[in-house]
Amino acid sequence: MNLTMAELLNYTDEERAKWQAWFSAQGNDPLKITFGNETLSNIGVLILHIFWAELWYAYWMHGEPFTLESEIVKQNKDIPNDQAEAIFRFGRLARAKMRSFTDSAQPEDWERSHEVELMGLHLQGSARKLVAHILIHEIRHWAQVALAVRQHGLAPPGDHDLLFTKSFGLLASKV
């Protein structure tokens, strides 16, 4: 049996919900935790990067243009990176667009090749590979967020391992 995209999407939905609840309880200050000299300067910027990347991939999978002139970009370009509610609202918009592809994709859609030139890169792959990539991209960045909050004396929310997710049927628990 294979891991399905639906299971991986459900897992990342659970992670997002944990983090949204955590930021609701902690307030917006942890969004300002910095990463040093990296391009993604703080947690709020990193989370927005997760969601913008997913939205871009979702448009790509739909074969729709996604540029600075796109209406969706114009409507969301000024999301504050220090306001959890606004950030996660945008995340829900990105996820809805991604699910509109994944929920309706037929087997041939998953294997269709997508190709684009972007920022000096030539990106190409099947929808299956590209959607898996963007979900793993998200998981890796949530791990960065968890490390950053730990390094600032805060405990991240809940268990993050697949073993503890509800997305795969039986749920492990601590005794």
C-alpha atoms as a PDB file:
ATOM      1  CA  MET A   1       0.000   0.000   0.000  1.00  0.00           C
ATOM      2  CA  ASN A   2       1.236   3.496  -0.807  1.00  0.00           C
ATOM      3  CA  LEU A   3       1.031   6.753   1.061  1.00  0.00           C
ATOM      4  CA  THR A   4      -1.639   8.836  -0.669  1.00  0.00           C
ATOM      5  CA  MET A   5      -1.639  12.542  -1.386  1.00  0.00           C
ATOM      6  CA  ALA A   6      -4.907  12.789   0.538  1.00  0.00           C
ATOM      7  CA  GLU A   7      -3.208  11.344   3.625  1.00  0.00           C
ATOM      8  CA  LEU A   8      -0.274  13.715   3.261  1.00  0.00           C
ATOM      9  CA  LEU A   9      -2.616  16.675   2.792  1.00  0.00           C
ATOM     10  CA  ASN A  10      -4.596  15.613   5.870  1.00  0.00           C
ATOM     11  CA  TYR A  11      -1.371  15.311   7.872  1.00  0.00           C
ATOM     12  CA  THR A  12      -0.269  18.814   6.887  1.00  0.00           C
ATOM     13  CA  ASP A  13      -3.779  20.103   7.666  1.00  0.00           C
ATOM     14  CA  GLU A  14      -3.376  18.685  11.174  1.00  0.00           C
ATOM     15  CA  GLU A  15       0.015  20.350  11.517  1.00  0.00           C
ATOM     16  CA  ARG A  16      -1.376  23.687  10.391  1.00  0.00           C
ATOM     17  CA  ALA A  17      -4.224  23.401  12.878  1.00  0.00           C
ATOM     18  CA  LYS A  18      -1.784  22.651  15.712  1.00  0.00           C
ATOM     19  CA  TRP A  19       0.338  25.663  14.832  1.00  0.00           C
ATOM     20  CA  GLN A  20      -2.637  27.971  14.353  1.00  0.00           C
ATOM     21  CA  ALA A  21      -4.001  27.012  17.780  1.00  0.00           C
ATOM     22  CA  TRP A  22      -0.519  27.420  19.260  1.00  0.00           C
ATOM     23  CA  PHE A  23      -0.126  30.932  17.830  1.00  0.00           C
ATOM     24  CA  SER A  24      -3.631  31.800  19.030  1.00  0.00           C
ATOM     25  CA  ALA A  25      -2.584  30.824  22.544  1.00  0.00           C
ATOM     26  CA  GLN A  26       0.935  32.341  22.396  1.00  0.00           C
ATOM     27  CA  GLY A  27       0.061  35.526  20.562  1.00  0.00           C
ATOM     28  CA  ASN A  28       1.861  37.017  17.601  1.00  0.00           C
ATOM     29  CA  ASP A  29       5.261  37.639  19.214  1.00  0.00           C
ATOM     30  CA  PRO A  30       6.731  34.228  18.247  1.00  0.00           C
ATOM     31  CA  LEU A  31       6.136  35.132  14.582  1.00  0.00           C
ATOM     32  CA  LYS A  32       8.942  37.676  15.022  1.00  0.00           C
ATOM     33  CA  ILE A  33      11.559  35.085  16.035  1.00  0.00           C
ATOM     34  CA  THR A  34      14.409  35.523  13.572  1.00  0.00           C
ATOM     35  CA  PHE A  35      16.571  33.042  11.708  1.00  0.00           C
ATOM     36  CA  GLY A  36      19.649  35.251  11.385  1.00  0.00           C
ATOM     37  CA  ASN A  37      20.809  36.202   7.926  1.00  0.00           C
ATOM     38  CA  GLU A  38      18.555  33.890   5.932  1.00  0.00           C
ATOM     39  CA  THR A  39      16.314  35.144   3.144  1.00  0.00           C
ATOM     40  CA  LEU A  40      13.306  34.039   5.180  1.00  0.00           C
ATOM     41  CA  SER A  41      14.047  36.368   8.068  1.00  0.00           C
ATOM     42  CA  ASN A  42      11.555  35.275  10.727  1.00  0.00           C
ATOM     43  CA  ILE A  43       8.890  32.707  11.522  1.00  0.00           C
ATOM     44  CA  GLY A  44       6.047  34.804  10.098  1.00  0.00           C
ATOM     45  CA  VAL A  45       7.883  35.233   6.796  1.00  0.00           C
ATOM     46  CA  LEU A  46       8.673  31.501   6.701  1.00  0.00           C
ATOM     47  CA  ILE A  47       5.047  30.488   7.259  1.00  0.00           C
ATOM     48  CA  LEU A  48       3.902  32.884   4.543  1.00  0.00           C
ATOM     49  CA  HIS A  49       6.550  31.328   2.275  1.00  0.00           C
ATOM     50  CA  ILE A  50       5.014  27.887   2.928  1.00  0.00           C
ATOM     51  CA  PHE A  51       1.571  29.131   1.952  1.00  0.00           C
ATOM     52  CA  TRP A  52       2.650  31.249  -1.054  1.00  0.00           C
ATOM     53  CA  ALA A  53       4.624  28.309  -2.451  1.00  0.00           C
ATOM     54  CA  GLU A  54       1.625  26.018  -2.103  1.00  0.00           C
ATOM     55  CA  LEU A  55      -0.650  28.540  -3.778  1.00  0.00           C
ATOM     56  CA  TRP A  56       1.799  28.936  -6.672  1.00  0.00           C
ATOM     57  CA  TYR A  57       2.000  25.150  -7.112  1.00  0.00           C
ATOM     58  CA  ALA A  58      -1.792  24.871  -6.968  1.00  0.00           C
ATOM     59  CA  TYR A  59      -2.166  27.407  -9.757  1.00  0.00           C
ATOM     60  CA  TRP A  60       0.575  25.623 -11.695  1.00  0.00           C
ATOM     61  CA  MET A  61      -1.221  22.269 -11.354  1.00  0.00           C
ATOM     62  CA  HIS A  62      -4.423  23.917 -12.621  1.00  0.00           C
ATOM     63  CA  GLY A  63      -2.523  25.349 -15.593  1.00  0.00           C
ATOM     64  CA  GLU A  64      -3.504  28.878 -14.538  1.00  0.00           C
ATOM     65  CA  PRO A  65      -1.192  31.904 -14.693  1.00  0.00           C
ATOM     66  CA  PHE A  66       0.248  33.085 -11.389  1.00  0.00           C
ATOM     67  CA  THR A  67       2.181  36.323 -11.671  1.00  0.00           C
ATOM     68  CA  LEU A  68       2.563  39.563  -9.756  1.00  0.00           C
ATOM     69  CA  GLU A  69      -0.338  40.820 -11.869  1.00  0.00           C
ATOM     70  CA  SER A  70      -2.635  37.925 -10.912  1.00  0.00           C
ATOM     71  CA  GLU A  71      -5.684  39.074  -8.983  1.00  0.00           C
ATOM     72  CA  ILE A  72      -5.009  36.581  -6.172  1.00  0.00           C
ATOM     73  CA  VAL A  73      -1.503  38.022  -5.725  1.00  0.00           C
ATOM     74  CA  LYS A  74      -2.741  41.605  -5.752  1.00  0.00           C
ATOM     75  CA  GLN A  75      -5.395  40.775  -3.136  1.00  0.00           C
ATOM     76  CA  ASN A  76      -2.932  39.065  -0.779  1.00  0.00           C
ATOM     77  CA  LYS A  77       0.428  40.749  -1.318  1.00  0.00           C
ATOM     78  CA  ASP A  78       0.266  42.790   1.884  1.00  0.00           C
ATOM     79  CA  ILE A  79      -0.469  40.065   4.426  1.00  0.00           C
ATOM     80  CA  PRO A  80       1.338  41.126   7.607  1.00  0.00           C
ATOM     81  CA  ASN A  81       3.979  38.598   8.654  1.00  0.00           C
ATOM     82  CA  ASP A  82       3.327  39.359  12.317  1.00  0.00           C
ATOM     83  CA  GLN A  83      -0.403  38.546  12.422  1.00  0.00           C
ATOM     84  CA  ALA A  84      -1.146  34.839  12.859  1.00  0.00           C
ATOM     85  CA  GLU A  85      -4.841  35.068  12.002  1.00  0.00           C
ATOM     86  CA  ALA A  86      -4.133  36.760   8.663  1.00  0.00           C
ATOM     87  CA  ILE A  87      -1.318  34.338   7.850  1.00  0.00           C
ATOM     88  CA  PHE A  88      -3.391  31.228   8.560  1.00  0.00           C
ATOM     89  CA  ARG A  89      -6.424  32.657   6.731  1.00  0.00           C
ATOM     90  CA  PHE A  90      -4.156  32.939   3.688  1.00  0.00           C
ATOM     91  CA  GLY A  91      -2.986  29.365   4.334  1.00  0.00           C
ATOM     92  CA  ARG A  92      -6.580  28.166   4.158  1.00  0.00           C
ATOM     93  CA  LEU A  93      -7.001  29.936   0.819  1.00  0.00           C
ATOM     94  CA  ALA A  94      -3.850  28.249  -0.541  1.00  0.00           C
ATOM     95  CA  ARG A  95      -4.963  24.838   0.738  1.00  0.00           C
ATOM     96  CA  ALA A  96      -8.414  25.220  -0.802  1.00  0.00           C
ATOM     97  CA  LYS A  97      -6.842  25.943  -4.170  1.00  0.00           C
ATOM     98  CA  MET A  98      -4.513  22.933  -3.830  1.00  0.00           C
ATOM     99  CA  ARG A  99      -7.378  20.657  -2.782  1.00  0.00           C
ATOM    100  CA  SER A 100      -9.440  21.852  -5.727  1.00  0.00           C
ATOM    101  CA  PHE A 101      -6.769  20.187  -7.862  1.00  0.00           C
ATOM    102  CA  THR A 102      -6.059  17.111  -5.726  1.00  0.00           C
ATOM    103  CA  ASP A 103      -9.722  16.318  -5.043  1.00  0.00           C
ATOM    104  CA  SER A 104     -10.665  16.379  -8.718  1.00  0.00           C
ATOM    105  CA  ALA A 105      -7.489  15.059 -10.382  1.00  0.00           C
ATOM    106  CA  GLN A 106      -7.884  11.900 -12.429  1.00  0.00           C
ATOM    107  CA  PRO A 107      -5.062   9.321 -12.665  1.00  0.00           C
ATOM    108  CA  GLU A 108      -3.840  10.825 -15.937  1.00  0.00           C
ATOM    109  CA  ASP A 109      -3.731  14.291 -14.316  1.00  0.00           C
ATOM    110  CA  TRP A 110      -1.333  12.998 -11.656  1.00  0.00           C
ATOM    111  CA  GLU A 111       1.090  11.723 -14.281  1.00  0.00           C
ATOM    112  CA  ARG A 112       0.869  14.710 -16.640  1.00  0.00           C
ATOM    113  CA  SER A 113       4.175  16.568 -16.824  1.00  0.00           C
ATOM    114  CA  HIS A 114       4.348  20.229 -15.791  1.00  0.00           C
ATOM    115  CA  GLU A 115       7.198  22.505 -16.767  1.00  0.00           C
ATOM    116  CA  VAL A 116       8.143  26.099 -15.964  1.00  0.00           C
ATOM    117  CA  GLU A 117      11.134  28.443 -15.996  1.00  0.00           C
ATOM    118  CA  LEU A 118      11.367  30.405 -12.753  1.00  0.00           C
ATOM    119  CA  MET A 119      14.113  32.507 -11.198  1.00  0.00           C
ATOM    120  CA  GLY A 120      16.803  30.901 -13.323  1.00  0.00           C
ATOM    121  CA  LEU A 121      15.518  27.380 -12.683  1.00  0.00           C
ATOM    122  CA  HIS A 122      13.898  24.915 -15.039  1.00  0.00           C
ATOM    123  CA  LEU A 123      11.298  22.989 -13.045  1.00  0.00           C
ATOM    124  CA  GLN A 124       9.651  19.910 -14.474  1.00  0.00           C
ATOM    125  CA  GLY A 125       7.793  16.944 -13.086  1.00  0.00           C
ATOM    126  CA  SER A 126       4.560  15.058 -12.848  1.00  0.00           C
ATOM    127  CA  ALA A 127       1.779  16.539 -10.753  1.00  0.00           C
ATOM    128  CA  ARG A 128       2.328  13.633  -8.357  1.00  0.00           C
ATOM    129  CA  LYS A 129       5.972  14.587  -7.840  1.00  0.00           C
ATOM    130  CA  LEU A 130       5.323  18.320  -7.641  1.00  0.00           C
ATOM    131  CA  VAL A 131       2.445  18.083  -5.155  1.00  0.00           C
ATOM    132  CA  ALA A 132       4.458  15.640  -3.018  1.00  0.00           C
ATOM    133  CA  HIS A 133       7.372  18.084  -3.169  1.00  0.00           C
ATOM    134  CA  ILE A 134       5.350  21.059  -1.965  1.00  0.00           C
ATOM    135  CA  LEU A 135       3.876  19.060   0.936  1.00  0.00           C
ATOM    136  CA  ILE A 136       7.302  17.787   2.007  1.00  0.00           C
ATOM    137  CA  HIS A 137       8.591  21.351   1.601  1.00  0.00           C
ATOM    138  CA  GLU A 138       5.934  22.406   4.126  1.00  0.00           C
ATOM    139  CA  ILE A 139       6.775  19.621   6.571  1.00  0.00           C
ATOM    140  CA  ARG A 140      10.464  20.552   6.503  1.00  0.00           C
ATOM    141  CA  HIS A 141       9.660  24.214   7.183  1.00  0.00           C
ATOM    142  CA  TRP A 142       7.360  23.369  10.113  1.00  0.00           C
ATOM    143  CA  ALA A 143      10.335  21.516  11.603  1.00  0.00           C
ATOM    144  CA  GLN A 144      12.354  24.742  11.270  1.00  0.00           C
ATOM    145  CA  VAL A 145       9.591  26.636  13.055  1.00  0.00           C
ATOM    146  CA  ALA A 146       9.555  24.030  15.846  1.00  0.00           C
ATOM    147  CA  LEU A 147      13.329  24.278  16.285  1.00  0.00           C
ATOM    148  CA  ALA A 148      13.244  28.069  16.339  1.00  0.00           C
ATOM    149  CA  VAL A 149      10.545  28.253  19.015  1.00  0.00           C
ATOM    150  CA  ARG A 150      12.397  25.647  21.107  1.00  0.00           C
ATOM    151  CA  GLN A 151      15.580  27.686  20.841  1.00  0.00           C
ATOM    152  CA  HIS A 152      13.625  30.631  22.250  1.00  0.00           C
ATOM    153  CA  GLY A 153      12.396  28.703  25.269  1.00  0.00           C
ATOM    154  CA  LEU A 154       8.937  27.850  23.953  1.00  0.00           C
ATOM    155  CA  ALA A 155       7.451  24.379  23.537  1.00  0.00           C
ATOM    156  CA  PRO A 156       5.996  23.690  20.088  1.00  0.00           C
ATOM    157  CA  PRO A 157       2.476  22.266  19.919  1.00  0.00           C
ATOM    158  CA  GLY A 158       1.841  18.550  20.211  1.00  0.00           C
ATOM    159  CA  ASP A 159       3.403  15.563  18.545  1.00  0.00           C
ATOM    160  CA  HIS A 160       4.416  16.054  14.930  1.00  0.00           C
ATOM    161  CA  ASP A 161       5.477  12.583  13.841  1.00  0.00           C
ATOM    162  CA  LEU A 162       3.340  10.665  11.363  1.00  0.00           C
ATOM    163  CA  LEU A 163       2.925   8.018  14.045  1.00  0.00           C
ATOM    164  CA  PHE A 164       0.717  10.423  16.022  1.00  0.00           C
ATOM    165  CA  THR A 165      -1.422  11.714  13.157  1.00  0.00           C
ATOM    166  CA  LYS A 166      -5.082  10.873  12.704  1.00  0.00           C
ATOM    167  CA  SER A 167      -4.562  10.960   8.920  1.00  0.00           C
ATOM    168  CA  PHE A 168      -3.373   7.354   8.677  1.00  0.00           C
ATOM    169  CA  GLY A 169      -5.945   5.445  10.630  1.00  0.00           C
ATOM    170  CA  LEU A 170      -4.767   3.965  13.928  1.00  0.00           C
ATOM    171  CA  LEU A 171      -3.341   6.591  16.232  1.00  0.00           C
ATOM    172  CA  ALA A 172      -0.389   6.063  18.544  1.00  0.00           C
ATOM    173  CA  SER A 173      -0.532   7.747  21.921  1.00  0.00           C
ATOM    174  CA  LYS A 174       1.770   8.262  24.851  1.00  0.00           C
ATOM    175  CA  VAL A 175       1.131   6.224  27.984  1.00  0.00           C
END
